[in-house]
Amino acid sequence: MAKLARLEIAPAKLEQYRGELANVLGHVAKLKAINVDGIEPLTSPVDSTNRLAADQPGATLSLEELFMNAPAVEGRFIAVPKVLAEENS
């Protein structure tokens, strides 16, 4: 398998990994042997539902109120820190 994945494994580690892989495959075989007929698959182990409320427009801030709460303003825009560095070619 290491050869197919093009992994270089030291000979000293090869037997260790062989045993670990055999253990994993043995565990998978045990899981495959479990009868799950009639059991519905779960997306989560706990029962939950999304609360989907109607989207109702509400009162909004004026631009002046918005800019008063902004950490920095440049003209008509809220200034934010640069997250992408410019590349120097």
Protein backbone atom coordinates (compact mmCIF):
# COMPACT_ATOMS: atom_id res chain seq x y z
CA MET A 1 0.00 0.00 0.00
CA ALA A 2 2.88 2.35 0.80
CA LYS A 3 4.29 1.72 -2.67
CA LEU A 4 0.95 2.62 -4.30
CA ALA A 5 0.78 5.81 -2.22
CA ARG A 6 4.41 6.53 -3.10
CA LEU A 7 5.42 6.68 0.55
CA GLU A 8 8.95 5.99 1.65
CA ILE A 9 8.82 4.00 4.88
CA ALA A 10 11.91 3.00 6.79
CA PRO A 11 12.25 -0.81 6.96
CA ALA A 12 12.28 -0.61 10.76
CA LYS A 13 8.83 1.04 10.75
CA LEU A 14 7.35 -1.23 8.07
CA GLU A 15 6.37 -4.06 10.44
CA GLN A 16 4.93 -1.61 12.98
CA TYR A 17 2.74 0.00 10.31
CA ARG A 18 1.75 -3.40 8.93
CA GLY A 19 0.42 -4.40 12.37
CA GLU A 20 -1.36 -1.07 12.87
CA LEU A 21 -3.01 -1.34 9.44
CA ALA A 22 -4.11 -4.91 10.20
CA ASN A 23 -5.69 -3.67 13.45
CA VAL A 24 -7.57 -0.91 11.63
CA LEU A 25 -8.79 -3.29 8.93
CA GLY A 26 -9.86 -5.76 11.61
CA HIS A 27 -11.88 -3.06 13.32
CA VAL A 28 -13.52 -2.09 10.01
CA ALA A 29 -14.43 -5.75 9.44
CA LYS A 30 -16.12 -5.85 12.87
CA LEU A 31 -18.10 -2.73 12.00
CA LYS A 32 -19.16 -4.23 8.66
CA ALA A 33 -20.47 -7.31 10.48
CA ILE A 34 -22.97 -5.27 12.52
CA ASN A 35 -26.56 -5.68 11.32
CA VAL A 36 -27.96 -2.21 10.66
CA ASP A 37 -31.06 -3.24 8.71
CA GLY A 38 -33.97 -0.96 9.55
CA ILE A 39 -31.81 1.66 11.27
CA GLU A 40 -32.11 5.11 9.77
CA PRO A 41 -28.83 7.00 9.29
CA LEU A 42 -28.29 10.01 11.55
CA THR A 43 -26.77 13.38 10.77
CA SER A 44 -26.34 14.01 14.49
CA PRO A 45 -26.56 11.82 17.60
CA VAL A 46 -28.90 14.33 19.27
CA ASP A 47 -32.36 15.31 18.08
CA SER A 48 -32.40 18.93 16.91
CA THR A 49 -34.33 21.12 14.52
CA ASN A 50 -33.49 24.40 12.88
CA ARG A 51 -35.57 27.38 13.86
CA LEU A 52 -36.47 28.97 10.57
CA ALA A 53 -38.25 32.22 11.38
CA ALA A 54 -39.65 34.49 8.71
CA ASP A 55 -37.15 37.10 7.60
CA GLN A 56 -38.74 40.39 8.57
CA PRO A 57 -37.04 43.72 7.85
CA GLY A 58 -36.59 45.92 10.89
CA ALA A 59 -35.22 49.29 11.81
CA THR A 60 -31.78 50.05 10.41
CA LEU A 61 -29.03 52.43 11.43
CA SER A 62 -28.39 55.59 9.51
CA LEU A 63 -24.94 55.88 7.92
CA GLU A 64 -23.92 58.36 10.61
CA GLU A 65 -24.94 55.94 13.39
CA LEU A 66 -23.18 53.08 11.62
CA PHE A 67 -19.96 55.06 11.19
CA MET A 68 -20.04 56.10 14.87
CA ASN A 69 -19.82 52.39 15.79
CA ALA A 70 -17.15 51.54 13.22
CA PRO A 71 -13.52 51.26 14.38
CA ALA A 72 -12.31 53.25 11.33
CA VAL A 73 -13.95 54.97 8.37
CA GLU A 74 -12.53 55.94 4.99
CA GLY A 75 -14.92 58.18 3.08
CA ARG A 76 -18.25 56.34 2.77
CA PHE A 77 -16.73 52.99 3.75
CA ILE A 78 -15.84 51.14 6.95
CA ALA A 79 -12.08 50.58 6.95
CA VAL A 80 -10.90 47.06 7.73
CA PRO A 81 -7.38 45.62 8.04
CA LYS A 82 -5.85 44.19 4.90
CA VAL A 83 -5.97 40.38 4.96
CA LEU A 84 -4.21 39.59 1.69
CA ALA A 85 -0.60 40.59 1.31
CA GLU A 86 0.55 42.05 -1.98
CA GLU A 87 3.03 39.82 -3.73
CA ASN A 88 6.33 41.35 -4.76
CA SER A 89 7.42 39.90 -8.07
